[in-house]
Amino acid sequence: MLDQIMQLVKEQIGNDSAIASAIPAQQRDAVSSEIASHISDKMGAQGMGGMLSMLGGMDMNSITAGLAEKLTSKFGLPSSVTAAIIAALPGLLQKLTGKSDSNPLGGLGSKLGGLFG
């Protein structure tokens, strides 16, 4: 799962020119890795029940708690950049869970649909 999160983080950073241009090129992989590890750790701490509850409504505060501070202290990123990264996380998590407005159960819904016909 960490690889999937890492790929989505890299895509998210790459697709946002304001974020991408504010992170030095030599730090992008390390910043992406830090973000992916943070998300993975937070999701793992919530367990499977936490993952499933994310499908119904994401608790962004519990997932983003401490991330901005980590990115600032570890990489020297300005608060405007860390705020933009935090603001981009709901979209990233929606991609990760497969949740969209038209598919409220997300990836889980399509998997269940496959089981039942």
Protein backbone atom coordinates (compact mmCIF):
# COMPACT_ATOMS: atom_id res chain seq x y z
CA MET A 1 0.00 0.00 0.00
CA LEU A 2 2.90 2.35 0.71
CA ASP A 3 3.96 2.14 -2.95
CA GLN A 4 0.46 3.12 -4.07
CA ILE A 5 0.40 6.05 -1.66
CA MET A 6 3.88 7.11 -2.78
CA GLN A 7 2.82 7.09 -6.44
CA LEU A 8 -0.29 9.16 -5.69
CA VAL A 9 1.74 11.66 -3.66
CA LYS A 10 4.26 12.07 -6.48
CA GLU A 11 1.42 12.59 -8.97
CA GLN A 12 -0.29 15.10 -6.69
CA ILE A 13 2.91 17.11 -6.18
CA GLY A 14 3.78 16.93 -9.87
CA ASN A 15 0.33 18.09 -10.92
CA ASP A 16 0.39 21.13 -8.64
CA SER A 17 2.87 23.58 -10.15
CA ALA A 18 2.87 25.82 -7.06
CA ILE A 19 3.88 22.93 -4.80
CA ALA A 20 6.28 21.35 -7.29
CA SER A 21 8.13 24.61 -7.94
CA ALA A 22 8.49 25.33 -4.21
CA ILE A 23 10.16 21.99 -3.43
CA PRO A 24 13.78 21.77 -4.60
CA ALA A 25 14.14 19.05 -7.23
CA GLN A 26 16.70 17.14 -5.16
CA GLN A 27 14.20 16.97 -2.24
CA ARG A 28 11.03 15.96 -4.12
CA ASP A 29 11.47 12.21 -3.67
CA ALA A 30 12.32 12.61 0.02
CA VAL A 31 9.34 14.94 0.59
CA SER A 32 7.02 12.55 -1.27
CA SER A 33 8.35 9.65 0.78
CA GLU A 34 7.81 11.55 4.04
CA ILE A 35 4.22 12.40 3.08
CA ALA A 36 3.47 8.83 1.97
CA SER A 37 4.98 7.37 5.13
CA HIS A 38 3.02 9.80 7.28
CA ILE A 39 -0.27 8.91 5.58
CA SER A 40 0.49 5.20 5.73
CA ASP A 41 1.39 5.40 9.42
CA LYS A 42 -1.79 7.32 10.25
CA MET A 43 -3.98 4.97 8.25
CA GLY A 44 -2.28 1.95 9.80
CA ALA A 45 -2.83 3.36 13.28
CA GLN A 46 -6.56 3.52 12.55
CA GLY A 47 -6.61 -0.16 11.55
CA MET A 48 -9.02 -1.70 9.08
CA GLY A 49 -11.98 -0.07 10.81
CA GLY A 50 -10.33 3.29 10.26
CA MET A 51 -9.77 2.52 6.60
CA LEU A 52 -13.40 1.58 6.12
CA SER A 53 -14.64 4.62 8.02
CA MET A 54 -12.62 6.77 5.62
CA LEU A 55 -14.94 5.59 2.88
CA GLY A 56 -17.85 7.19 4.70
CA GLY A 57 -16.10 10.38 5.76
CA MET A 58 -12.44 11.13 6.09
CA ASP A 59 -11.09 12.49 9.35
CA MET A 60 -8.48 14.76 7.81
CA ASN A 61 -7.37 16.20 11.12
CA SER A 62 -6.20 12.83 12.39
CA ILE A 63 -4.39 12.09 9.14
CA THR A 64 -2.71 15.47 8.67
CA ALA A 65 -1.81 16.07 12.33
CA GLY A 66 1.89 16.83 12.58
CA LEU A 67 2.64 16.57 8.86
CA ALA A 68 3.20 20.29 8.26
CA GLU A 69 5.58 20.47 11.20
CA LYS A 70 7.53 17.43 9.94
CA LEU A 71 7.89 18.90 6.46
CA THR A 72 8.97 22.28 7.80
CA SER A 73 11.50 20.93 10.28
CA LYS A 74 12.92 18.20 8.05
CA PHE A 75 12.99 20.00 4.70
CA GLY A 76 12.69 23.70 5.56
CA LEU A 77 9.51 24.09 3.52
CA PRO A 78 7.65 27.35 4.09
CA SER A 79 4.24 27.23 5.74
CA SER A 80 2.54 28.29 2.49
CA VAL A 81 3.86 25.14 0.79
CA THR A 82 3.01 22.81 3.65
CA ALA A 83 -0.49 24.34 3.78
CA ALA A 84 -0.90 23.65 0.05
CA ILE A 85 0.24 20.05 0.56
CA ILE A 86 -2.22 19.58 3.43
CA ALA A 87 -5.00 21.11 1.30
CA ALA A 88 -4.25 18.60 -1.49
CA LEU A 89 -4.52 15.54 0.78
CA PRO A 90 -8.32 15.09 0.64
CA GLY A 91 -8.13 14.61 -3.14
CA LEU A 92 -5.23 12.22 -2.76
CA LEU A 93 -7.06 10.17 -0.15
CA GLN A 94 -10.18 10.05 -2.31
CA LYS A 95 -8.06 8.56 -5.09
CA LEU A 96 -6.50 6.11 -2.66
CA THR A 97 -9.82 4.87 -1.29
CA GLY A 98 -11.50 4.98 -4.70
CA LYS A 99 -14.19 7.24 -3.26
CA SER A 100 -16.06 9.64 -5.51
CA ASP A 101 -19.42 11.36 -5.40
CA SER A 102 -20.85 8.88 -7.89
CA ASN A 103 -19.45 5.86 -6.02
CA PRO A 104 -19.86 6.46 -2.27
CA LEU A 105 -18.40 3.07 -1.34
CA GLY A 106 -15.40 3.66 -3.56
CA GLY A 107 -13.07 0.79 -4.36
CA LEU A 108 -14.80 -1.38 -1.77
CA GLY A 109 -18.08 -0.97 -3.63
CA SER A 110 -16.62 -2.19 -6.91
CA LYS A 111 -14.98 -5.15 -5.17
CA LEU A 112 -18.28 -6.11 -3.50
CA GLY A 113 -20.06 -5.73 -6.83
CA GLY A 114 -17.60 -8.18 -8.34
CA LEU A 115 -18.35 -10.71 -5.62
CA PHE A 116 -22.10 -10.54 -6.06
CA GLY A 117 -22.39 -10.50 -9.80
